[in-house]
């Protein structure tokens, strides 16, 4: 689920889950949530979980010394199948929790990630901190956008999980996961970053040299 801001309203704009309106001069371009299907399939890999337990059940069935149909055989099979269902329920429950408690937004100046199942928090990523970004798509049409931050900028891995690339502990990379239209969202992000870079360059040129400490913009992220 997602929608775009029209960018023409003069009324204060709010990002879902954030109590304060956007600052003056900043517009909401897009916001949306990861889908449960995308999270369960591409984050928690429910298919691999099913395949693993199916393989374990098959191995047990062919190697157990108990005769099929015996009380011990049936009891053991029930326990193993029940454990499989419990694990799958946990995977699906966790996927639903991530999907229902997460919200992404792109404004004219930053990316906002509203995440946290137990302790909700808003993570703001100004475009000035972006090193690059890339979009990835899957066979089912869903996808994700990975953001690489500049080396001097770092967000705690535990604060981002599971909205980050796996095993990137030293330099976590935020990920907008479970997107229904990843290419369109990536295009919105790329255009927003490019326009912000152009605007900041104009401001820099307009300011006296001795008052400019650096540009807040950056080129459009590679790979988006």
N, C-alpha and C. Protein backbone atom coordinates (compact mmCIF):
# COMPACT_ATOMS: atom_id res chain seq x y z
N UNK A 1 0.85 -1.19 0.00
CA UNK A 1 0.00 0.00 0.00
C UNK A 1 0.88 1.24 0.00
N UNK A 2 0.59 2.15 -0.91
CA UNK A 2 1.39 3.36 -1.01
C UNK A 2 0.61 4.43 -1.72
N UNK A 3 1.05 5.67 -1.57
CA UNK A 3 0.48 6.74 -2.36
C UNK A 3 1.47 7.87 -2.46
N UNK A 4 1.22 8.76 -3.41
CA UNK A 4 2.12 9.86 -3.67
C UNK A 4 1.46 11.17 -3.25
N UNK A 5 2.30 12.13 -2.82
CA UNK A 5 1.81 13.46 -2.54
C UNK A 5 1.71 14.26 -3.83
N UNK A 6 0.72 15.12 -3.89
CA UNK A 6 0.57 15.90 -5.13
C UNK A 6 1.50 17.09 -5.19
N UNK A 7 2.04 17.49 -4.02
CA UNK A 7 3.03 18.57 -4.02
C UNK A 7 2.46 19.94 -4.26
N UNK A 8 1.09 20.05 -4.32
CA UNK A 8 0.50 21.36 -4.62
C UNK A 8 -0.26 21.94 -3.44
N UNK A 9 -0.59 21.14 -2.44
CA UNK A 9 -1.36 21.61 -1.30
C UNK A 9 -0.52 22.51 -0.41
N UNK A 10 -1.16 23.56 0.12
CA UNK A 10 -0.47 24.46 1.04
C UNK A 10 -0.71 24.06 2.49
N UNK A 11 -1.55 23.04 2.70
CA UNK A 11 -1.81 22.56 4.05
C UNK A 11 -0.59 21.81 4.58
N UNK A 12 -0.39 21.81 5.91
CA UNK A 12 0.74 21.06 6.48
C UNK A 12 0.65 19.58 6.10
N UNK A 13 1.75 18.98 5.76
CA UNK A 13 1.78 17.58 5.37
C UNK A 13 2.38 16.74 6.48
N UNK A 14 1.80 15.57 6.69
CA UNK A 14 2.26 14.67 7.74
C UNK A 14 2.66 13.34 7.13
N UNK A 15 3.67 12.73 7.71
CA UNK A 15 4.04 11.36 7.37
C UNK A 15 3.35 10.46 8.37
N UNK A 16 2.76 9.41 7.89
CA UNK A 16 2.03 8.49 8.77
C UNK A 16 2.91 8.03 9.94
N UNK A 17 2.39 8.17 11.14
CA UNK A 17 3.11 7.74 12.33
C UNK A 17 4.02 8.79 12.92
N UNK A 18 4.20 9.90 12.22
CA UNK A 18 5.06 11.00 12.71
C UNK A 18 4.15 12.13 13.15
N UNK A 19 4.19 12.52 14.42
CA UNK A 19 3.22 13.51 14.93
C UNK A 19 3.43 14.93 14.42
N UNK A 20 4.66 15.25 14.00
CA UNK A 20 4.94 16.62 13.59
C UNK A 20 4.84 16.76 12.07
N UNK A 21 4.33 17.90 11.59
CA UNK A 21 4.24 18.11 10.15
C UNK A 21 5.61 18.33 9.53
N UNK A 22 5.69 18.19 8.23
CA UNK A 22 6.94 18.47 7.53
C UNK A 22 7.28 19.95 7.65
N UNK A 23 8.56 20.28 7.72
CA UNK A 23 8.96 21.69 7.79
C UNK A 23 8.51 22.46 6.55
N UNK A 24 8.41 23.76 6.69
CA UNK A 24 8.03 24.61 5.56
C UNK A 24 9.03 24.43 4.43
N UNK A 25 8.53 24.30 3.23
CA UNK A 25 9.38 24.13 2.06
C UNK A 25 9.70 22.69 1.72
N UNK A 26 9.28 21.76 2.56
CA UNK A 26 9.52 20.34 2.30
C UNK A 26 8.19 19.67 1.95
N UNK A 27 8.18 18.89 0.86
CA UNK A 27 6.95 18.26 0.38
C UNK A 27 7.07 16.74 0.42
N UNK A 28 5.96 16.10 0.67
CA UNK A 28 5.88 14.65 0.66
C UNK A 28 5.66 14.17 -0.76
N UNK A 29 6.55 13.31 -1.26
CA UNK A 29 6.47 12.83 -2.63
C UNK A 29 5.86 11.43 -2.73
N UNK A 30 6.16 10.59 -1.75
CA UNK A 30 5.66 9.22 -1.77
C UNK A 30 5.73 8.65 -0.37
N UNK A 31 4.80 7.77 -0.04
CA UNK A 31 4.88 7.01 1.20
C UNK A 31 4.15 5.69 1.02
N UNK A 32 4.59 4.69 1.74
CA UNK A 32 3.99 3.38 1.61
C UNK A 32 4.59 2.40 2.60
N UNK A 33 4.00 1.23 2.68
CA UNK A 33 4.42 0.21 3.63
C UNK A 33 4.89 -1.04 2.89
N UNK A 34 5.78 -1.82 3.50
CA UNK A 34 6.15 -3.09 2.89
C UNK A 34 4.97 -4.05 2.95
N UNK A 35 4.86 -4.91 1.96
CA UNK A 35 3.78 -5.89 1.95
C UNK A 35 4.19 -7.12 2.77
N UNK A 36 3.19 -7.75 3.38
CA UNK A 36 3.46 -8.96 4.15
C UNK A 36 4.03 -10.06 3.26
N UNK A 37 3.48 -10.17 2.04
CA UNK A 37 3.98 -11.18 1.11
C UNK A 37 5.45 -10.96 0.79
N UNK A 38 5.81 -9.70 0.53
CA UNK A 38 7.19 -9.40 0.21
C UNK A 38 8.12 -9.67 1.37
N UNK A 39 7.69 -9.34 2.58
CA UNK A 39 8.54 -9.56 3.76
C UNK A 39 8.71 -11.05 4.03
N UNK A 40 7.60 -11.80 4.00
CA UNK A 40 7.68 -13.23 4.31
C UNK A 40 8.48 -14.00 3.26
N UNK A 41 8.41 -13.55 1.99
CA UNK A 41 9.09 -14.26 0.92
C UNK A 41 10.55 -13.89 0.79
N UNK A 42 10.86 -12.60 0.88
CA UNK A 42 12.21 -12.15 0.57
C UNK A 42 13.03 -11.70 1.78
N UNK A 43 12.40 -11.66 2.94
CA UNK A 43 13.14 -11.32 4.16
C UNK A 43 13.28 -12.56 5.05
N UNK A 44 12.16 -13.23 5.32
CA UNK A 44 12.19 -14.40 6.19
C UNK A 44 12.15 -15.72 5.41
N UNK A 45 12.04 -15.65 4.09
CA UNK A 45 12.21 -16.80 3.20
C UNK A 45 11.39 -18.02 3.64
N UNK A 46 10.08 -17.85 3.68
CA UNK A 46 9.22 -18.92 4.16
C UNK A 46 9.32 -20.18 3.29
N UNK A 47 9.61 -20.02 2.01
CA UNK A 47 9.73 -21.19 1.15
C UNK A 47 10.91 -22.06 1.58
N UNK A 48 12.02 -21.41 1.93
CA UNK A 48 13.19 -22.18 2.39
C UNK A 48 12.91 -22.87 3.71
N UNK A 49 12.13 -22.21 4.57
CA UNK A 49 11.76 -22.82 5.85
C UNK A 49 10.94 -24.08 5.62
N UNK A 50 9.96 -24.00 4.72
CA UNK A 50 9.12 -25.15 4.40
C UNK A 50 9.96 -26.27 3.80
N UNK A 51 10.86 -25.91 2.87
CA UNK A 51 11.70 -26.92 2.22
C UNK A 51 12.61 -27.61 3.23
N UNK A 52 13.15 -26.84 4.16
CA UNK A 52 14.04 -27.42 5.18
C UNK A 52 13.29 -28.45 6.03
N UNK A 53 12.13 -28.06 6.55
CA UNK A 53 11.40 -28.97 7.41
C UNK A 53 10.87 -30.17 6.64
N UNK A 54 10.49 -29.96 5.39
CA UNK A 54 10.05 -31.09 4.57
C UNK A 54 11.18 -32.09 4.37
N UNK A 55 12.39 -31.57 4.13
CA UNK A 55 13.55 -32.44 3.96
C UNK A 55 13.85 -33.20 5.25
N UNK A 56 13.76 -32.50 6.40
CA UNK A 56 14.02 -33.16 7.68
C UNK A 56 12.99 -34.26 7.95
N UNK A 57 11.71 -34.00 7.61
CA UNK A 57 10.68 -35.01 7.80
C UNK A 57 10.92 -36.22 6.90
N UNK A 58 11.34 -35.96 5.66
CA UNK A 58 11.61 -37.06 4.73
C UNK A 58 12.77 -37.92 5.22
N UNK A 59 13.82 -37.26 5.67
CA UNK A 59 14.99 -38.00 6.17
C UNK A 59 14.60 -38.84 7.38
N UNK A 60 13.83 -38.24 8.28
CA UNK A 60 13.39 -39.00 9.47
C UNK A 60 12.52 -40.20 9.08
N UNK A 61 11.62 -40.00 8.13
CA UNK A 61 10.72 -41.07 7.72
C UNK A 61 11.48 -42.27 7.14
N UNK A 62 12.59 -42.00 6.43
CA UNK A 62 13.35 -43.08 5.80
C UNK A 62 14.39 -43.69 6.73
N UNK A 63 14.73 -43.02 7.81
CA UNK A 63 15.80 -43.52 8.68
C UNK A 63 15.32 -43.99 10.04
N UNK A 64 14.07 -43.65 10.40
CA UNK A 64 13.59 -44.06 11.72
C UNK A 64 13.49 -45.58 11.82
N UNK A 65 13.86 -46.13 12.98
CA UNK A 65 13.75 -47.59 13.15
C UNK A 65 12.33 -48.04 13.47
N UNK A 66 11.44 -47.10 13.74
CA UNK A 66 10.08 -47.45 14.11
C UNK A 66 9.25 -47.79 12.87
N UNK A 67 8.37 -48.72 13.04
CA UNK A 67 7.53 -49.16 11.93
C UNK A 67 6.43 -48.14 11.66
N UNK A 68 6.16 -47.80 10.38
CA UNK A 68 5.06 -46.90 10.04
C UNK A 68 3.74 -47.44 10.59
N UNK A 69 2.98 -46.57 11.23
CA UNK A 69 1.71 -46.97 11.81
C UNK A 69 1.79 -47.30 13.27
N UNK A 70 3.01 -47.50 13.78
CA UNK A 70 3.14 -47.79 15.21
C UNK A 70 2.87 -46.53 16.03
N UNK A 71 2.57 -46.71 17.31
CA UNK A 71 2.25 -45.57 18.16
C UNK A 71 3.43 -44.58 18.24
N UNK A 72 4.63 -45.12 18.40
CA UNK A 72 5.81 -44.25 18.50
C UNK A 72 6.03 -43.49 17.20
N UNK A 73 5.84 -44.19 16.07
CA UNK A 73 6.01 -43.55 14.76
C UNK A 73 5.00 -42.41 14.58
N UNK A 74 3.75 -42.68 14.89
CA UNK A 74 2.71 -41.67 14.72
C UNK A 74 2.95 -40.49 15.65
N UNK A 75 3.30 -40.76 16.90
CA UNK A 75 3.55 -39.69 17.86
C UNK A 75 4.73 -38.82 17.42
N UNK A 76 5.78 -39.44 16.96
CA UNK A 76 6.95 -38.69 16.50
C UNK A 76 6.60 -37.84 15.28
N UNK A 77 5.82 -38.41 14.37
CA UNK A 77 5.42 -37.66 13.17
C UNK A 77 4.56 -36.46 13.55
N UNK A 78 3.64 -36.64 14.47
CA UNK A 78 2.77 -35.54 14.90
C UNK A 78 3.60 -34.42 15.53
N UNK A 79 4.57 -34.79 16.36
CA UNK A 79 5.42 -33.78 16.99
C UNK A 79 6.21 -32.99 15.95
N UNK A 80 6.76 -33.67 14.99
CA UNK A 80 7.56 -33.00 13.96
C UNK A 80 6.71 -32.11 13.05
N UNK A 81 5.55 -32.60 12.67
CA UNK A 81 4.67 -31.78 11.84
C UNK A 81 4.16 -30.58 12.62
N UNK A 82 3.84 -30.81 13.89
CA UNK A 82 3.39 -29.70 14.73
C UNK A 82 4.46 -28.64 14.90
N UNK A 83 5.71 -29.06 15.07
CA UNK A 83 6.81 -28.11 15.18
C UNK A 83 6.97 -27.30 13.90
N UNK A 84 6.78 -27.97 12.76
CA UNK A 84 6.86 -27.28 11.47
C UNK A 84 5.81 -26.19 11.38
N UNK A 85 4.58 -26.50 11.77
CA UNK A 85 3.51 -25.51 11.72
C UNK A 85 3.77 -24.36 12.68
N UNK A 86 4.32 -24.65 13.85
CA UNK A 86 4.63 -23.59 14.81
C UNK A 86 5.67 -22.63 14.25
N UNK A 87 6.70 -23.18 13.62
CA UNK A 87 7.74 -22.33 13.04
C UNK A 87 7.16 -21.49 11.91
N UNK A 88 6.31 -22.09 11.08
CA UNK A 88 5.71 -21.33 9.98
C UNK A 88 4.80 -20.22 10.50
N UNK A 89 4.05 -20.51 11.57
CA UNK A 89 3.21 -19.48 12.17
C UNK A 89 4.06 -18.34 12.71
N UNK A 90 5.21 -18.68 13.28
CA UNK A 90 6.10 -17.65 13.79
C UNK A 90 6.64 -16.78 12.66
N UNK A 91 7.01 -17.42 11.55
CA UNK A 91 7.52 -16.68 10.39
C UNK A 91 6.45 -15.74 9.84
N UNK A 92 5.24 -16.27 9.67
CA UNK A 92 4.16 -15.44 9.12
C UNK A 92 3.74 -14.35 10.10
N UNK A 93 3.74 -14.66 11.39
CA UNK A 93 3.40 -13.65 12.38
C UNK A 93 4.42 -12.53 12.43
N UNK A 94 5.69 -12.89 12.33
CA UNK A 94 6.74 -11.88 12.33
C UNK A 94 6.67 -11.03 11.07
N UNK A 95 6.36 -11.67 9.94
CA UNK A 95 6.22 -10.93 8.68
C UNK A 95 5.07 -9.93 8.77
N UNK A 96 3.97 -10.36 9.33
CA UNK A 96 2.83 -9.47 9.47
C UNK A 96 3.16 -8.30 10.40
N UNK A 97 3.88 -8.60 11.48
CA UNK A 97 4.25 -7.54 12.42
C UNK A 97 5.13 -6.50 11.75
N UNK A 98 6.09 -6.95 10.95
CA UNK A 98 6.97 -6.02 10.25
C UNK A 98 6.18 -5.17 9.26
N UNK A 99 5.28 -5.82 8.52
CA UNK A 99 4.52 -5.11 7.49
C UNK A 99 3.56 -4.08 8.09
N UNK A 100 2.96 -4.40 9.23
CA UNK A 100 1.96 -3.51 9.81
C UNK A 100 2.55 -2.41 10.68
N UNK A 101 3.80 -2.56 11.08
CA UNK A 101 4.41 -1.54 11.95
C UNK A 101 5.45 -0.69 11.22
N UNK A 102 5.60 -0.90 9.92
CA UNK A 102 6.62 -0.17 9.15
C UNK A 102 5.96 0.78 8.16
N UNK A 103 6.64 1.88 7.90
CA UNK A 103 6.15 2.86 6.95
C UNK A 103 7.33 3.63 6.38
N UNK A 104 7.37 3.75 5.05
CA UNK A 104 8.44 4.47 4.38
C UNK A 104 7.89 5.74 3.74
N UNK A 105 8.73 6.75 3.64
CA UNK A 105 8.32 7.99 2.99
C UNK A 105 9.52 8.63 2.31
N UNK A 106 9.24 9.29 1.18
CA UNK A 106 10.25 10.07 0.47
C UNK A 106 9.72 11.49 0.34
N UNK A 107 10.51 12.45 0.80
CA UNK A 107 10.14 13.85 0.67
C UNK A 107 11.11 14.51 -0.30
N UNK A 108 11.01 15.80 -0.42
CA UNK A 108 11.91 16.53 -1.32
C UNK A 108 13.31 16.68 -0.72
N UNK A 109 13.49 16.24 0.53
CA UNK A 109 14.79 16.43 1.17
C UNK A 109 15.36 15.19 1.84
N UNK A 110 14.54 14.16 2.02
CA UNK A 110 15.04 13.02 2.80
C UNK A 110 14.18 11.78 2.60
N UNK A 111 14.71 10.68 3.13
CA UNK A 111 13.98 9.42 3.26
C UNK A 111 13.63 9.26 4.73
N UNK A 112 12.41 8.87 5.00
CA UNK A 112 11.98 8.64 6.39
C UNK A 112 11.53 7.19 6.50
N UNK A 113 12.05 6.49 7.51
CA UNK A 113 11.68 5.10 7.76
C UNK A 113 11.08 5.01 9.16
N UNK A 114 9.80 4.70 9.21
CA UNK A 114 9.12 4.50 10.48
C UNK A 114 9.14 3.01 10.76
N UNK A 115 9.99 2.55 11.68
CA UNK A 115 10.20 1.12 11.91
C UNK A 115 10.19 0.83 13.41
N UNK A 116 10.19 -0.46 13.72
CA UNK A 116 10.22 -0.87 15.11
C UNK A 116 8.95 -1.56 15.54
N UNK A 117 9.00 -2.88 15.77
CA UNK A 117 7.82 -3.62 16.18
C UNK A 117 7.49 -3.40 17.64
N UNK A 118 8.51 -3.39 18.50
CA UNK A 118 8.29 -3.20 19.94
C UNK A 118 8.46 -1.74 20.34
N UNK A 119 9.47 -1.10 19.77
CA UNK A 119 9.76 0.29 20.09
C UNK A 119 9.82 1.11 18.80
N UNK A 120 8.68 1.63 18.35
CA UNK A 120 8.65 2.38 17.09
C UNK A 120 9.56 3.60 17.13
N UNK A 121 10.21 3.86 16.02
CA UNK A 121 11.08 5.03 15.89
C UNK A 121 11.07 5.51 14.46
N UNK A 122 11.39 6.77 14.28
CA UNK A 122 11.49 7.36 12.95
C UNK A 122 12.96 7.61 12.64
N UNK A 123 13.42 7.07 11.52
CA UNK A 123 14.80 7.25 11.08
C UNK A 123 14.80 8.17 9.88
N UNK A 124 15.47 9.30 10.03
CA UNK A 124 15.55 10.29 8.96
C UNK A 124 16.88 10.18 8.24
N UNK A 125 16.84 10.08 6.93
CA UNK A 125 18.06 9.99 6.12
C UNK A 125 18.06 11.14 5.12
N UNK A 126 18.68 12.26 5.45
CA UNK A 126 18.75 13.37 4.49
C UNK A 126 19.50 12.95 3.23
N UNK A 127 19.12 13.53 2.12
CA UNK A 127 19.78 13.20 0.86
C UNK A 127 21.28 13.51 0.92
N UNK A 128 21.66 14.46 1.76
CA UNK A 128 23.07 14.83 1.86
C UNK A 128 23.93 13.70 2.41
N UNK A 129 23.31 12.68 3.05
CA UNK A 129 24.06 11.56 3.62
C UNK A 129 24.13 10.37 2.68
N UNK A 130 23.44 10.45 1.54
CA UNK A 130 23.41 9.33 0.61
C UNK A 130 24.70 9.26 -0.21
N UNK A 131 25.23 8.06 -0.29
CA UNK A 131 26.37 7.78 -1.18
C UNK A 131 25.85 7.25 -2.51
N UNK A 132 24.91 6.32 -2.43
CA UNK A 132 24.29 5.75 -3.63
C UNK A 132 23.04 4.99 -3.21
N UNK A 133 22.31 4.53 -4.20
CA UNK A 133 21.13 3.71 -3.94
C UNK A 133 20.91 2.80 -5.14
N UNK A 134 20.33 1.65 -4.89
CA UNK A 134 20.09 0.70 -5.97
C UNK A 134 18.74 0.02 -5.78
N UNK A 135 18.12 -0.33 -6.88
CA UNK A 135 16.82 -0.99 -6.83
C UNK A 135 16.97 -2.43 -7.29
N UNK A 136 16.32 -3.34 -6.57
CA UNK A 136 16.33 -4.75 -6.94
C UNK A 136 14.90 -5.25 -7.09
N UNK A 137 14.65 -6.04 -8.11
CA UNK A 137 13.32 -6.58 -8.35
C UNK A 137 13.37 -8.10 -8.34
N UNK A 138 12.24 -8.71 -7.98
CA UNK A 138 12.13 -10.15 -7.92
C UNK A 138 11.14 -10.64 -8.99
N UNK A 139 11.08 -11.94 -9.16
CA UNK A 139 10.24 -12.51 -10.20
C UNK A 139 8.76 -12.21 -10.01
N UNK A 140 8.35 -12.04 -8.75
CA UNK A 140 6.93 -11.78 -8.50
C UNK A 140 6.56 -10.32 -8.71
N UNK A 141 7.52 -9.50 -9.16
CA UNK A 141 7.24 -8.10 -9.44
C UNK A 141 7.52 -7.16 -8.30
N UNK A 142 7.68 -7.68 -7.08
CA UNK A 142 8.01 -6.84 -5.94
C UNK A 142 9.51 -6.55 -5.95
N UNK A 143 9.95 -5.73 -5.01
CA UNK A 143 11.36 -5.39 -4.98
C UNK A 143 11.72 -4.57 -3.77
N UNK A 144 12.91 -4.04 -3.78
CA UNK A 144 13.42 -3.25 -2.66
C UNK A 144 14.44 -2.24 -3.15
N UNK A 145 14.63 -1.22 -2.33
CA UNK A 145 15.62 -0.18 -2.63
C UNK A 145 16.65 -0.17 -1.52
N UNK A 146 17.89 -0.36 -1.89
CA UNK A 146 18.99 -0.36 -0.92
C UNK A 146 19.71 0.98 -0.96
N UNK A 147 19.97 1.53 0.20
CA UNK A 147 20.61 2.84 0.32
C UNK A 147 21.97 2.68 0.97
N UNK A 148 22.99 3.23 0.34
CA UNK A 148 24.33 3.25 0.91
C UNK A 148 24.63 4.64 1.44
N UNK A 149 25.02 4.71 2.71
CA UNK A 149 25.32 5.99 3.34
C UNK A 149 26.79 6.32 3.22
N UNK A 150 27.11 7.58 3.34
CA UNK A 150 28.50 8.00 3.35
C UNK A 150 29.21 7.37 4.54
N UNK A 151 30.49 7.15 4.42
CA UNK A 151 31.25 6.40 5.42
C UNK A 151 31.22 7.04 6.80
N UNK A 152 31.11 8.35 6.86
CA UNK A 152 31.07 9.01 8.17
C UNK A 152 29.67 9.04 8.78
N UNK A 153 28.71 8.39 8.10
CA UNK A 153 27.33 8.33 8.60
C UNK A 153 26.97 6.88 8.85
N UNK A 154 26.39 6.61 10.00
CA UNK A 154 26.10 5.22 10.36
C UNK A 154 24.83 5.16 11.21
N UNK A 155 23.98 4.19 10.90
CA UNK A 155 22.78 3.91 11.68
C UNK A 155 22.95 2.53 12.29
N UNK A 156 22.59 2.38 13.56
CA UNK A 156 22.78 1.11 14.25
C UNK A 156 22.02 -0.01 13.55
N UNK A 157 22.69 -1.14 13.37
CA UNK A 157 22.10 -2.29 12.68
C UNK A 157 20.84 -2.77 13.39
N UNK A 158 20.90 -2.82 14.72
CA UNK A 158 19.76 -3.32 15.49
C UNK A 158 18.56 -2.39 15.37
N UNK A 159 18.79 -1.11 15.14
CA UNK A 159 17.68 -0.16 14.97
C UNK A 159 17.02 -0.34 13.61
N UNK A 160 17.78 -0.76 12.61
CA UNK A 160 17.26 -0.92 11.26
C UNK A 160 16.62 -2.28 11.01
N UNK A 161 17.13 -3.33 11.62
CA UNK A 161 16.70 -4.70 11.29
C UNK A 161 15.20 -4.83 11.40
N UNK A 162 14.53 -5.49 10.40
CA UNK A 162 15.11 -6.15 9.24
C UNK A 162 15.15 -5.26 7.99
N UNK A 163 15.10 -3.97 8.19
CA UNK A 163 15.12 -3.02 7.06
C UNK A 163 16.55 -2.65 6.69
N UNK A 164 17.39 -3.65 6.53
CA UNK A 164 18.80 -3.41 6.19
C UNK A 164 19.36 -4.65 5.52
N UNK A 165 20.48 -4.49 4.84
CA UNK A 165 21.13 -5.62 4.17
C UNK A 165 21.74 -6.55 5.21
N UNK A 166 21.63 -7.83 4.94
CA UNK A 166 22.10 -8.84 5.87
C UNK A 166 23.62 -8.81 5.99
N UNK A 167 24.10 -8.95 7.22
CA UNK A 167 25.53 -9.09 7.53
C UNK A 167 26.36 -7.84 7.24
N UNK A 168 25.73 -6.70 7.02
CA UNK A 168 26.47 -5.45 6.87
C UNK A 168 26.48 -4.74 8.23
N UNK A 169 27.23 -5.31 9.17
CA UNK A 169 27.20 -4.81 10.55
C UNK A 169 28.00 -3.52 10.72
N UNK A 170 29.17 -3.45 10.11
CA UNK A 170 30.04 -2.29 10.31
C UNK A 170 29.49 -1.03 9.65
N UNK A 171 28.90 -1.18 8.48
CA UNK A 171 28.32 -0.05 7.75
C UNK A 171 26.94 -0.46 7.26
N UNK A 172 25.96 -0.48 8.16
CA UNK A 172 24.61 -0.93 7.77
C UNK A 172 24.04 -0.13 6.61
N UNK A 173 23.34 -0.82 5.74
CA UNK A 173 22.72 -0.19 4.57
C UNK A 173 21.21 -0.31 4.69
N UNK A 174 20.49 0.80 4.88
CA UNK A 174 19.03 0.75 4.98
C UNK A 174 18.41 0.20 3.71
N UNK A 175 17.31 -0.53 3.86
CA UNK A 175 16.60 -1.11 2.73
C UNK A 175 15.10 -0.85 2.88
N UNK A 176 14.50 -0.32 1.83
CA UNK A 176 13.05 -0.19 1.76
C UNK A 176 12.53 -1.49 1.16
N UNK A 177 11.99 -2.35 2.00
CA UNK A 177 11.65 -3.71 1.59
C UNK A 177 10.19 -3.86 1.19
N UNK A 178 9.92 -4.95 0.48
CA UNK A 178 8.56 -5.35 0.17
C UNK A 178 7.77 -4.33 -0.63
N UNK A 179 8.41 -3.64 -1.56
CA UNK A 179 7.73 -2.62 -2.36
C UNK A 179 6.99 -3.27 -3.52
N UNK A 180 5.76 -2.81 -3.76
CA UNK A 180 4.96 -3.36 -4.85
C UNK A 180 5.42 -2.84 -6.21
N UNK A 181 5.87 -1.59 -6.26
CA UNK A 181 6.33 -0.99 -7.51
C UNK A 181 7.72 -0.37 -7.28
N UNK A 182 8.72 -1.20 -7.14
CA UNK A 182 10.05 -0.69 -6.78
C UNK A 182 10.65 0.25 -7.81
N UNK A 183 10.43 -0.01 -9.10
CA UNK A 183 11.02 0.85 -10.13
C UNK A 183 10.44 2.26 -10.06
N UNK A 184 9.13 2.35 -9.83
CA UNK A 184 8.51 3.67 -9.77
C UNK A 184 8.98 4.44 -8.53
N UNK A 185 9.09 3.75 -7.41
CA UNK A 185 9.56 4.41 -6.18
C UNK A 185 11.01 4.84 -6.35
N UNK A 186 11.82 4.01 -7.01
CA UNK A 186 13.21 4.37 -7.26
C UNK A 186 13.32 5.60 -8.15
N UNK A 187 12.43 5.69 -9.13
CA UNK A 187 12.44 6.86 -10.01
C UNK A 187 12.08 8.12 -9.23
N UNK A 188 11.11 8.02 -8.33
CA UNK A 188 10.74 9.16 -7.50
C UNK A 188 11.92 9.59 -6.64
N UNK A 189 12.62 8.62 -6.05
CA UNK A 189 13.77 8.94 -5.22
C UNK A 189 14.89 9.59 -6.03
N UNK A 190 15.19 9.01 -7.18
CA UNK A 190 16.27 9.55 -8.01
C UNK A 190 15.98 10.98 -8.44
N UNK A 191 14.73 11.24 -8.83
CA UNK A 191 14.36 12.59 -9.26
C UNK A 191 14.42 13.57 -8.09
N UNK A 192 13.98 13.12 -6.92
CA UNK A 192 14.01 13.99 -5.74
C UNK A 192 15.44 14.35 -5.36
N UNK A 193 16.33 13.37 -5.39
CA UNK A 193 17.73 13.63 -5.05
C UNK A 193 18.37 14.57 -6.07
N UNK A 194 18.08 14.35 -7.36
CA UNK A 194 18.63 15.21 -8.41
C UNK A 194 18.15 16.64 -8.25
N UNK A 195 16.86 16.81 -7.98
CA UNK A 195 16.31 18.16 -7.83
C UNK A 195 16.86 18.84 -6.58
N UNK A 196 17.02 18.08 -5.51
CA UNK A 196 17.59 18.66 -4.29
C UNK A 196 19.04 19.07 -4.51
N UNK A 197 19.78 18.27 -5.27
CA UNK A 197 21.17 18.61 -5.57
C UNK A 197 21.25 19.88 -6.39
N UNK A 198 20.35 20.01 -7.37
CA UNK A 198 20.33 21.21 -8.21
C UNK A 198 19.98 22.44 -7.39
N UNK A 199 18.99 22.31 -6.51
CA UNK A 199 18.58 23.44 -5.67
C UNK A 199 19.69 23.87 -4.73
N UNK A 200 20.39 22.91 -4.14
CA UNK A 200 21.47 23.25 -3.22
C UNK A 200 22.64 23.89 -3.96
N UNK A 201 22.88 23.46 -5.19
CA UNK A 201 23.95 24.06 -5.98
C UNK A 201 23.65 25.51 -6.29
N UNK A 202 22.38 25.80 -6.58
CA UNK A 202 21.99 27.18 -6.82
C UNK A 202 22.18 28.04 -5.59
N UNK A 203 21.82 27.48 -4.42
CA UNK A 203 21.98 28.22 -3.17
C UNK A 203 23.45 28.49 -2.91
N UNK A 204 24.28 27.51 -3.17
CA UNK A 204 25.72 27.66 -2.95
C UNK A 204 26.30 28.75 -3.84
N UNK A 205 25.86 28.80 -5.07
CA UNK A 205 26.37 29.81 -5.99
C UNK A 205 25.89 31.21 -5.60
N UNK A 206 24.71 31.27 -5.00
CA UNK A 206 24.16 32.57 -4.62
C UNK A 206 24.80 33.12 -3.36
N UNK A 207 25.31 32.27 -2.50
CA UNK A 207 25.91 32.71 -1.25
C UNK A 207 27.35 33.19 -1.49
N UNK A 208 27.81 34.18 -0.69
CA UNK A 208 29.22 34.58 -0.77
C UNK A 208 30.12 33.39 -0.43
N UNK A 209 31.27 33.33 -1.05
CA UNK A 209 32.16 32.20 -0.88
C UNK A 209 32.56 31.98 0.57
N UNK A 210 32.80 33.06 1.33
CA UNK A 210 33.27 32.91 2.69
C UNK A 210 32.16 32.49 3.65
N UNK A 211 30.91 32.39 3.18
CA UNK A 211 29.82 31.98 4.04
C UNK A 211 29.34 30.57 3.74
N UNK A 212 29.88 29.97 2.70
CA UNK A 212 29.44 28.63 2.32
C UNK A 212 30.37 27.62 2.94
N UNK A 213 29.79 26.73 3.76
CA UNK A 213 30.62 25.71 4.43
C UNK A 213 30.60 24.39 3.68
N UNK A 214 29.71 24.26 2.71
CA UNK A 214 29.65 23.02 1.93
C UNK A 214 28.26 22.82 1.36
N UNK A 215 28.17 22.00 0.36
CA UNK A 215 26.87 21.76 -0.27
C UNK A 215 26.15 20.64 0.44
N UNK A 216 24.84 20.76 0.49
CA UNK A 216 24.02 19.74 1.12
C UNK A 216 23.50 18.72 0.11
N UNK A 217 23.81 18.94 -1.15
CA UNK A 217 23.27 18.06 -2.19
C UNK A 217 24.24 16.98 -2.59
N UNK A 218 23.79 16.15 -3.52
CA UNK A 218 24.61 15.08 -4.04
C UNK A 218 24.01 14.66 -5.37
N UNK A 219 24.83 14.04 -6.25
CA UNK A 219 24.28 13.57 -7.51
C UNK A 219 23.22 12.51 -7.27
N UNK A 220 22.42 12.28 -8.29
CA UNK A 220 21.41 11.23 -8.19
C UNK A 220 22.09 9.90 -7.89
N UNK A 221 21.54 9.10 -6.97
CA UNK A 221 22.20 7.86 -6.54
C UNK A 221 22.36 6.88 -7.69
N UNK A 222 23.55 6.29 -7.74
CA UNK A 222 23.83 5.31 -8.79
C UNK A 222 22.99 4.09 -8.59
N UNK A 223 22.53 3.53 -9.66
CA UNK A 223 21.79 2.29 -9.61
C UNK A 223 20.32 2.44 -9.38
N UNK A 224 19.82 3.67 -9.14
CA UNK A 224 18.40 3.85 -8.90
C UNK A 224 17.69 4.09 -10.22
